Amino acid sequence: MHPTTTIQTLADVPLGTRVIVVRINNQGAERRRIYDLGMTPGTELVAEVCSPLGDPTAYRVRDALIALRREQAAQIEVRLIAAGASQ
């Protein structure tokens, strides 16, 4: 499958990988928090830093660094962006 069409969860994205948010599967207040942090469908982000114990991971979203726990990131579906590609 071509890298630009691969859909996976944000929790499975390796550090340094650029992705675009496809769908938010959280519900209620958790979903609202994700939207308030700027992670809406179509938003580009990068997995940047993982804590020493592996959870949480920080993601660069609209020039802000946002940390999410693995169970939160697992509810966000993303599409990989090919190297050199943009929205």
N, C-alpha and C. Protein backbone atom coordinates (compact mmCIF):
# COMPACT_ATOMS: atom_id res chain seq x y z
N MET A 1 0.84 -1.18 0.00
CA MET A 1 0.00 0.00 0.00
C MET A 1 0.89 1.24 0.00
N HIS A 2 0.51 2.25 -0.73
CA HIS A 2 1.28 3.48 -0.83
C HIS A 2 1.28 4.20 0.52
N PRO A 3 2.42 4.75 0.97
CA PRO A 3 2.51 5.37 2.29
C PRO A 3 1.52 6.49 2.53
N THR A 4 1.09 7.22 1.50
CA THR A 4 0.16 8.32 1.71
C THR A 4 -1.27 7.85 1.95
N THR A 5 -1.56 6.57 1.74
CA THR A 5 -2.91 6.08 1.95
C THR A 5 -3.03 5.15 3.16
N THR A 6 -1.94 4.92 3.87
CA THR A 6 -1.96 4.04 5.02
C THR A 6 -2.66 4.71 6.20
N ILE A 7 -3.71 4.08 6.71
CA ILE A 7 -4.43 4.58 7.87
C ILE A 7 -4.02 3.74 9.08
N GLN A 8 -3.71 4.40 10.18
CA GLN A 8 -3.37 3.71 11.42
C GLN A 8 -3.74 4.62 12.57
N THR A 9 -3.53 4.17 13.79
CA THR A 9 -3.82 5.04 14.93
C THR A 9 -2.60 5.88 15.26
N LEU A 10 -2.82 7.00 15.89
CA LEU A 10 -1.74 7.88 16.29
C LEU A 10 -0.79 7.18 17.26
N ALA A 11 -1.30 6.26 18.05
CA ALA A 11 -0.47 5.52 19.01
C ALA A 11 0.59 4.67 18.32
N ASP A 12 0.38 4.29 17.07
CA ASP A 12 1.30 3.42 16.33
C ASP A 12 2.29 4.18 15.47
N VAL A 13 2.26 5.51 15.50
CA VAL A 13 3.12 6.33 14.65
C VAL A 13 4.52 6.44 15.27
N PRO A 14 5.56 6.08 14.52
CA PRO A 14 6.93 6.22 15.03
C PRO A 14 7.33 7.69 15.17
N LEU A 15 8.24 7.97 16.09
CA LEU A 15 8.74 9.33 16.27
C LEU A 15 9.29 9.88 14.96
N GLY A 16 9.05 11.16 14.72
CA GLY A 16 9.53 11.81 13.52
C GLY A 16 8.63 11.68 12.32
N THR A 17 7.54 10.94 12.45
CA THR A 17 6.62 10.70 11.34
C THR A 17 5.56 11.79 11.26
N ARG A 18 5.34 12.32 10.05
CA ARG A 18 4.29 13.30 9.81
C ARG A 18 3.03 12.58 9.37
N VAL A 19 1.90 12.99 9.95
CA VAL A 19 0.61 12.38 9.63
C VAL A 19 -0.46 13.46 9.54
N ILE A 20 -1.60 13.06 8.97
CA ILE A 20 -2.79 13.92 8.93
C ILE A 20 -3.90 13.18 9.67
N VAL A 21 -4.58 13.90 10.54
CA VAL A 21 -5.70 13.32 11.29
C VAL A 21 -6.84 13.03 10.33
N VAL A 22 -7.35 11.79 10.40
CA VAL A 22 -8.46 11.36 9.54
C VAL A 22 -9.77 11.34 10.33
N ARG A 23 -9.72 10.76 11.55
CA ARG A 23 -10.95 10.60 12.33
C ARG A 23 -10.60 10.56 13.82
N ILE A 24 -11.49 11.13 14.63
CA ILE A 24 -11.36 11.09 16.08
C ILE A 24 -12.44 10.14 16.59
N ASN A 25 -12.03 9.06 17.25
CA ASN A 25 -12.99 8.06 17.71
C ASN A 25 -13.34 8.19 19.19
N ASN A 26 -12.76 9.19 19.89
CA ASN A 26 -13.10 9.42 21.30
C ASN A 26 -14.52 9.95 21.38
N GLN A 27 -15.10 9.88 22.56
CA GLN A 27 -16.47 10.37 22.77
C GLN A 27 -16.50 11.37 23.92
N GLY A 28 -17.54 12.16 23.96
CA GLY A 28 -17.80 13.07 25.08
C GLY A 28 -16.71 14.08 25.35
N ALA A 29 -16.36 14.24 26.64
CA ALA A 29 -15.38 15.23 27.07
C ALA A 29 -14.00 14.95 26.49
N GLU A 30 -13.66 13.69 26.34
CA GLU A 30 -12.37 13.31 25.78
C GLU A 30 -12.26 13.79 24.32
N ARG A 31 -13.32 13.60 23.56
CA ARG A 31 -13.35 14.06 22.16
C ARG A 31 -13.23 15.59 22.10
N ARG A 32 -13.94 16.27 22.97
CA ARG A 32 -13.91 17.74 23.01
C ARG A 32 -12.51 18.24 23.33
N ARG A 33 -11.82 17.58 24.27
CA ARG A 33 -10.46 17.96 24.63
C ARG A 33 -9.53 17.82 23.43
N ILE A 34 -9.65 16.72 22.70
CA ILE A 34 -8.81 16.49 21.53
C ILE A 34 -9.05 17.61 20.50
N TYR A 35 -10.31 17.95 20.27
CA TYR A 35 -10.63 19.04 19.34
C TYR A 35 -10.08 20.38 19.86
N ASP A 36 -10.22 20.63 21.17
CA ASP A 36 -9.73 21.88 21.75
C ASP A 36 -8.21 22.00 21.62
N LEU A 37 -7.50 20.88 21.60
CA LEU A 37 -6.05 20.88 21.44
C LEU A 37 -5.62 21.10 19.99
N GLY A 38 -6.60 21.19 19.08
CA GLY A 38 -6.29 21.47 17.69
C GLY A 38 -6.18 20.23 16.82
N MET A 39 -6.46 19.07 17.36
CA MET A 39 -6.38 17.82 16.58
C MET A 39 -7.73 17.54 15.95
N THR A 40 -8.00 18.21 14.84
CA THR A 40 -9.24 18.01 14.11
C THR A 40 -8.93 17.29 12.80
N PRO A 41 -9.92 16.63 12.19
CA PRO A 41 -9.67 15.98 10.91
C PRO A 41 -9.06 16.95 9.90
N GLY A 42 -8.00 16.51 9.23
CA GLY A 42 -7.30 17.34 8.27
C GLY A 42 -6.07 18.03 8.83
N THR A 43 -5.88 17.99 10.14
CA THR A 43 -4.74 18.63 10.78
C THR A 43 -3.48 17.78 10.61
N GLU A 44 -2.39 18.43 10.25
CA GLU A 44 -1.10 17.74 10.14
C GLU A 44 -0.39 17.80 11.49
N LEU A 45 0.25 16.70 11.88
CA LEU A 45 1.02 16.69 13.11
C LEU A 45 2.20 15.75 12.98
N VAL A 46 3.13 15.86 13.95
CA VAL A 46 4.35 15.06 13.95
C VAL A 46 4.54 14.47 15.34
N ALA A 47 4.84 13.18 15.40
CA ALA A 47 5.21 12.54 16.67
C ALA A 47 6.64 12.97 16.97
N GLU A 48 6.85 13.71 18.09
CA GLU A 48 8.17 14.29 18.34
C GLU A 48 8.94 13.68 19.49
N VAL A 49 8.32 13.49 20.64
CA VAL A 49 9.06 13.07 21.83
C VAL A 49 8.25 12.03 22.59
N CYS A 50 8.96 10.99 23.04
CA CYS A 50 8.33 9.96 23.87
C CYS A 50 8.97 10.02 25.25
N SER A 51 8.17 9.91 26.30
CA SER A 51 8.73 9.96 27.65
C SER A 51 9.64 8.75 27.87
N PRO A 52 10.53 8.82 28.84
CA PRO A 52 11.48 7.72 29.09
C PRO A 52 10.80 6.35 29.32
N LEU A 53 9.62 6.34 29.89
CA LEU A 53 8.91 5.08 30.13
C LEU A 53 7.99 4.70 28.98
N GLY A 54 7.94 5.52 27.93
CA GLY A 54 7.17 5.19 26.74
C GLY A 54 5.76 5.74 26.68
N ASP A 55 5.31 6.40 27.73
CA ASP A 55 3.96 6.96 27.74
C ASP A 55 3.94 8.13 28.70
N PRO A 56 3.54 9.32 28.35
CA PRO A 56 2.90 9.72 27.10
C PRO A 56 3.90 10.04 25.99
N THR A 57 3.35 10.39 24.82
CA THR A 57 4.13 10.85 23.67
C THR A 57 3.68 12.26 23.35
N ALA A 58 4.63 13.11 22.97
CA ALA A 58 4.31 14.49 22.60
C ALA A 58 4.25 14.61 21.09
N TYR A 59 3.25 15.34 20.61
CA TYR A 59 3.02 15.54 19.18
C TYR A 59 3.04 17.03 18.89
N ARG A 60 3.65 17.42 17.76
CA ARG A 60 3.67 18.82 17.34
C ARG A 60 2.40 19.06 16.54
N VAL A 61 1.54 19.94 17.07
CA VAL A 61 0.25 20.25 16.46
C VAL A 61 0.12 21.77 16.35
N ARG A 62 0.07 22.28 15.13
CA ARG A 62 -0.11 23.72 14.92
C ARG A 62 0.86 24.55 15.77
N ASP A 63 2.13 24.21 15.74
CA ASP A 63 3.20 24.91 16.47
C ASP A 63 3.12 24.78 17.98
N ALA A 64 2.35 23.83 18.49
CA ALA A 64 2.30 23.55 19.92
C ALA A 64 2.72 22.10 20.13
N LEU A 65 3.28 21.80 21.29
CA LEU A 65 3.67 20.44 21.62
C LEU A 65 2.63 19.90 22.61
N ILE A 66 1.90 18.86 22.18
CA ILE A 66 0.79 18.30 22.96
C ILE A 66 1.12 16.87 23.34
N ALA A 67 1.00 16.53 24.62
CA ALA A 67 1.27 15.17 25.09
C ALA A 67 -0.04 14.41 25.24
N LEU A 68 -0.06 13.18 24.72
CA LEU A 68 -1.22 12.30 24.85
C LEU A 68 -0.76 10.94 25.36
N ARG A 69 -1.56 10.34 26.19
CA ARG A 69 -1.30 8.97 26.63
C ARG A 69 -1.65 8.03 25.48
N ARG A 70 -1.07 6.85 25.52
CA ARG A 70 -1.26 5.86 24.45
C ARG A 70 -2.74 5.55 24.23
N GLU A 71 -3.51 5.39 25.30
CA GLU A 71 -4.93 5.04 25.12
C GLU A 71 -5.72 6.17 24.45
N GLN A 72 -5.30 7.43 24.65
CA GLN A 72 -5.93 8.55 23.95
C GLN A 72 -5.53 8.56 22.48
N ALA A 73 -4.23 8.39 22.22
CA ALA A 73 -3.72 8.39 20.85
C ALA A 73 -4.29 7.23 20.03
N ALA A 74 -4.62 6.13 20.69
CA ALA A 74 -5.16 4.96 19.99
C ALA A 74 -6.56 5.22 19.43
N GLN A 75 -7.21 6.28 19.88
CA GLN A 75 -8.55 6.61 19.41
C GLN A 75 -8.54 7.61 18.25
N ILE A 76 -7.33 7.98 17.79
CA ILE A 76 -7.20 8.95 16.71
C ILE A 76 -6.63 8.24 15.48
N GLU A 77 -7.39 8.22 14.40
CA GLU A 77 -6.93 7.60 13.16
C GLU A 77 -6.22 8.65 12.32
N VAL A 78 -5.06 8.24 11.76
CA VAL A 78 -4.25 9.16 10.97
C VAL A 78 -3.82 8.51 9.67
N ARG A 79 -3.43 9.36 8.72
CA ARG A 79 -2.90 8.92 7.43
C ARG A 79 -1.47 9.41 7.35
N LEU A 80 -0.56 8.52 7.01
CA LEU A 80 0.85 8.88 6.86
C LEU A 80 1.04 9.84 5.70
N ILE A 81 1.99 10.77 5.85
CA ILE A 81 2.35 11.68 4.78
C ILE A 81 3.69 11.23 4.23
N ALA A 82 3.79 11.08 2.93
CA ALA A 82 5.05 10.68 2.31
C ALA A 82 6.09 11.78 2.53
N ALA A 83 7.35 11.39 2.65
CA ALA A 83 8.44 12.35 2.83
C ALA A 83 8.41 13.37 1.70
N GLY A 84 8.49 14.64 2.05
CA GLY A 84 8.49 15.69 1.05
C GLY A 84 7.11 16.14 0.60
N ALA A 85 6.06 15.42 1.00
CA ALA A 85 4.70 15.77 0.61
C ALA A 85 4.13 16.77 1.61
N SER A 86 3.12 17.49 1.20
CA SER A 86 2.42 18.40 2.11
C SER A 86 0.93 18.30 1.79
N GLN A 87 0.13 18.91 2.66
CA GLN A 87 -1.33 18.86 2.51
C GLN A 87 -1.78 19.45 1.22
